[in-house]
Amino acid sequence: MLLELSAVEAREMKQALDSALRALQEEMAQAAPSAYRDLLRERFTRLDQLNRRLDMSLEGEQVYA
């Protein structure tokens, strides 16, 4: 799936992802070692990869995520 975003939308998406990643890091730090923590880590990894791709794409006016 491709989603076309304007540069403004992409920056706002990046800000939202940055906030979500910080919240996930805090939650992982407080979670006891368990399957739940593993799920949080997997989610963090997926969102972090998306955030990096979005960051690399922000140089142009149109962004495809």
N, C-alpha and C. Protein backbone atom coordinates (compact mmCIF):
# COMPACT_ATOMS: atom_id res chain seq x y z
N MET A 1 0.84 -1.17 0.00
CA MET A 1 0.00 0.00 0.00
C MET A 1 0.89 1.24 0.00
N LEU A 2 0.56 2.18 -0.84
CA LEU A 2 1.25 3.47 -0.86
C LEU A 2 0.29 4.55 -0.40
N LEU A 3 0.82 5.47 0.37
CA LEU A 3 0.04 6.59 0.85
C LEU A 3 0.80 7.86 0.49
N GLU A 4 0.19 8.71 -0.30
CA GLU A 4 0.84 9.95 -0.71
C GLU A 4 0.58 11.02 0.35
N LEU A 5 1.67 11.64 0.81
CA LEU A 5 1.57 12.69 1.82
C LEU A 5 2.26 13.95 1.32
N SER A 6 1.70 15.09 1.66
CA SER A 6 2.40 16.34 1.38
C SER A 6 3.55 16.45 2.37
N ALA A 7 4.45 17.38 2.15
CA ALA A 7 5.59 17.56 3.05
C ALA A 7 5.10 17.92 4.45
N VAL A 8 4.07 18.73 4.55
CA VAL A 8 3.51 19.13 5.85
C VAL A 8 2.93 17.90 6.56
N GLU A 9 2.17 17.11 5.82
CA GLU A 9 1.59 15.90 6.41
C GLU A 9 2.66 14.93 6.86
N ALA A 10 3.72 14.81 6.08
CA ALA A 10 4.82 13.90 6.43
C ALA A 10 5.52 14.37 7.70
N ARG A 11 5.75 15.67 7.83
CA ARG A 11 6.38 16.19 9.05
C ARG A 11 5.49 15.94 10.26
N GLU A 12 4.18 16.14 10.10
CA GLU A 12 3.26 15.89 11.21
C GLU A 12 3.21 14.40 11.57
N MET A 13 3.27 13.54 10.55
CA MET A 13 3.31 12.10 10.80
C MET A 13 4.59 11.74 11.54
N LYS A 14 5.71 12.34 11.15
CA LYS A 14 6.98 12.07 11.82
C LYS A 14 6.91 12.50 13.28
N GLN A 15 6.33 13.64 13.57
CA GLN A 15 6.19 14.10 14.94
C GLN A 15 5.33 13.12 15.76
N ALA A 16 4.26 12.64 15.17
CA ALA A 16 3.39 11.67 15.85
C ALA A 16 4.15 10.37 16.11
N LEU A 17 4.93 9.91 15.13
CA LEU A 17 5.71 8.69 15.31
C LEU A 17 6.79 8.88 16.38
N ASP A 18 7.44 10.03 16.38
CA ASP A 18 8.44 10.31 17.42
C ASP A 18 7.82 10.22 18.80
N SER A 19 6.64 10.79 18.98
CA SER A 19 5.94 10.74 20.28
C SER A 19 5.56 9.31 20.64
N ALA A 20 5.05 8.57 19.66
CA ALA A 20 4.66 7.19 19.91
C ALA A 20 5.87 6.34 20.29
N LEU A 21 7.00 6.57 19.64
CA LEU A 21 8.20 5.81 19.96
C LEU A 21 8.70 6.12 21.37
N ARG A 22 8.66 7.38 21.78
CA ARG A 22 9.05 7.74 23.14
C ARG A 22 8.14 7.07 24.16
N ALA A 23 6.84 7.08 23.90
CA ALA A 23 5.89 6.44 24.81
C ALA A 23 6.12 4.94 24.90
N LEU A 24 6.41 4.31 23.77
CA LEU A 24 6.68 2.87 23.76
C LEU A 24 7.96 2.56 24.54
N GLN A 25 8.97 3.39 24.41
CA GLN A 25 10.21 3.16 25.15
C GLN A 25 9.95 3.21 26.66
N GLU A 26 9.15 4.18 27.08
CA GLU A 26 8.81 4.30 28.50
C GLU A 26 8.02 3.08 28.97
N GLU A 27 7.07 2.66 28.17
CA GLU A 27 6.26 1.49 28.53
C GLU A 27 7.10 0.23 28.58
N MET A 28 8.03 0.06 27.64
CA MET A 28 8.91 -1.11 27.65
C MET A 28 9.80 -1.12 28.89
N ALA A 29 10.26 0.06 29.30
CA ALA A 29 11.13 0.15 30.47
C ALA A 29 10.39 -0.27 31.74
N GLN A 30 9.09 -0.05 31.78
CA GLN A 30 8.31 -0.37 32.97
C GLN A 30 7.69 -1.77 32.92
N ALA A 31 7.65 -2.38 31.74
CA ALA A 31 7.02 -3.68 31.59
C ALA A 31 7.95 -4.78 32.12
N ALA A 32 7.35 -5.71 32.81
CA ALA A 32 8.11 -6.86 33.28
C ALA A 32 8.48 -7.72 32.07
N PRO A 33 9.61 -8.41 32.14
CA PRO A 33 9.96 -9.31 31.02
C PRO A 33 8.83 -10.32 30.80
N SER A 34 8.23 -10.22 29.67
CA SER A 34 7.09 -11.10 29.38
C SER A 34 6.77 -11.03 27.89
N ALA A 35 5.74 -11.77 27.52
CA ALA A 35 5.29 -11.73 26.12
C ALA A 35 4.81 -10.32 25.77
N TYR A 36 4.22 -9.61 26.73
CA TYR A 36 3.74 -8.25 26.48
C TYR A 36 4.91 -7.34 26.10
N ARG A 37 6.01 -7.46 26.83
CA ARG A 37 7.18 -6.63 26.53
C ARG A 37 7.72 -6.97 25.14
N ASP A 38 7.71 -8.24 24.78
CA ASP A 38 8.14 -8.65 23.45
C ASP A 38 7.26 -8.03 22.37
N LEU A 39 5.95 -7.98 22.61
CA LEU A 39 5.03 -7.34 21.65
C LEU A 39 5.34 -5.85 21.52
N LEU A 40 5.61 -5.21 22.65
CA LEU A 40 5.97 -3.79 22.62
C LEU A 40 7.24 -3.57 21.81
N ARG A 41 8.22 -4.44 22.00
CA ARG A 41 9.49 -4.32 21.29
C ARG A 41 9.28 -4.50 19.78
N GLU A 42 8.45 -5.47 19.40
CA GLU A 42 8.16 -5.68 17.99
C GLU A 42 7.47 -4.46 17.38
N ARG A 43 6.51 -3.90 18.11
CA ARG A 43 5.82 -2.69 17.63
C ARG A 43 6.80 -1.53 17.49
N PHE A 44 7.68 -1.38 18.48
CA PHE A 44 8.67 -0.32 18.44
C PHE A 44 9.54 -0.47 17.20
N THR A 45 9.97 -1.68 16.91
CA THR A 45 10.83 -1.93 15.75
C THR A 45 10.13 -1.54 14.46
N ARG A 46 8.86 -1.95 14.31
CA ARG A 46 8.11 -1.60 13.09
C ARG A 46 7.95 -0.09 12.95
N LEU A 47 7.56 0.58 14.04
CA LEU A 47 7.36 2.03 13.97
C LEU A 47 8.68 2.77 13.75
N ASP A 48 9.75 2.28 14.34
CA ASP A 48 11.05 2.90 14.16
C ASP A 48 11.50 2.80 12.70
N GLN A 49 11.30 1.65 12.08
CA GLN A 49 11.65 1.49 10.67
C GLN A 49 10.82 2.44 9.79
N LEU A 50 9.54 2.54 10.07
CA LEU A 50 8.69 3.47 9.32
C LEU A 50 9.15 4.90 9.53
N ASN A 51 9.50 5.24 10.75
CA ASN A 51 9.96 6.59 11.06
C ASN A 51 11.25 6.91 10.30
N ARG A 52 12.16 5.96 10.21
CA ARG A 52 13.41 6.18 9.47
C ARG A 52 13.14 6.36 7.97
N ARG A 53 12.24 5.55 7.42
CA ARG A 53 11.89 5.70 6.00
C ARG A 53 11.26 7.06 5.75
N LEU A 54 10.39 7.48 6.63
CA LEU A 54 9.73 8.77 6.49
C LEU A 54 10.75 9.89 6.59
N ASP A 55 11.67 9.77 7.49
CA ASP A 55 12.72 10.78 7.66
C ASP A 55 13.55 10.92 6.39
N MET A 56 13.89 9.80 5.76
CA MET A 56 14.68 9.85 4.53
C MET A 56 13.88 10.46 3.39
N SER A 57 12.56 10.32 3.41
CA SER A 57 11.74 10.80 2.32
C SER A 57 11.36 12.27 2.45
N LEU A 58 11.58 12.86 3.58
CA LEU A 58 11.14 14.23 3.82
C LEU A 58 11.87 15.28 2.98
N GLU A 59 12.87 14.90 2.26
CA GLU A 59 13.61 15.86 1.46
C GLU A 59 12.82 16.37 0.25
N GLY A 60 11.88 15.56 -0.26
CA GLY A 60 11.07 15.98 -1.40
C GLY A 60 9.75 16.58 -0.94
N GLU A 61 8.96 17.08 -1.88
CA GLU A 61 7.68 17.67 -1.52
C GLU A 61 6.62 16.62 -1.29
N GLN A 62 6.62 15.58 -2.09
CA GLN A 62 5.64 14.50 -1.93
C GLN A 62 6.33 13.31 -1.29
N VAL A 63 5.65 12.70 -0.36
CA VAL A 63 6.20 11.57 0.36
C VAL A 63 5.27 10.38 0.18
N TYR A 64 5.86 9.24 -0.09
CA TYR A 64 5.09 8.01 -0.20
C TYR A 64 5.51 7.10 0.94
N ALA A 65 4.55 6.73 1.78
CA ALA A 65 4.85 5.87 2.91
C ALA A 65 4.06 4.60 2.81
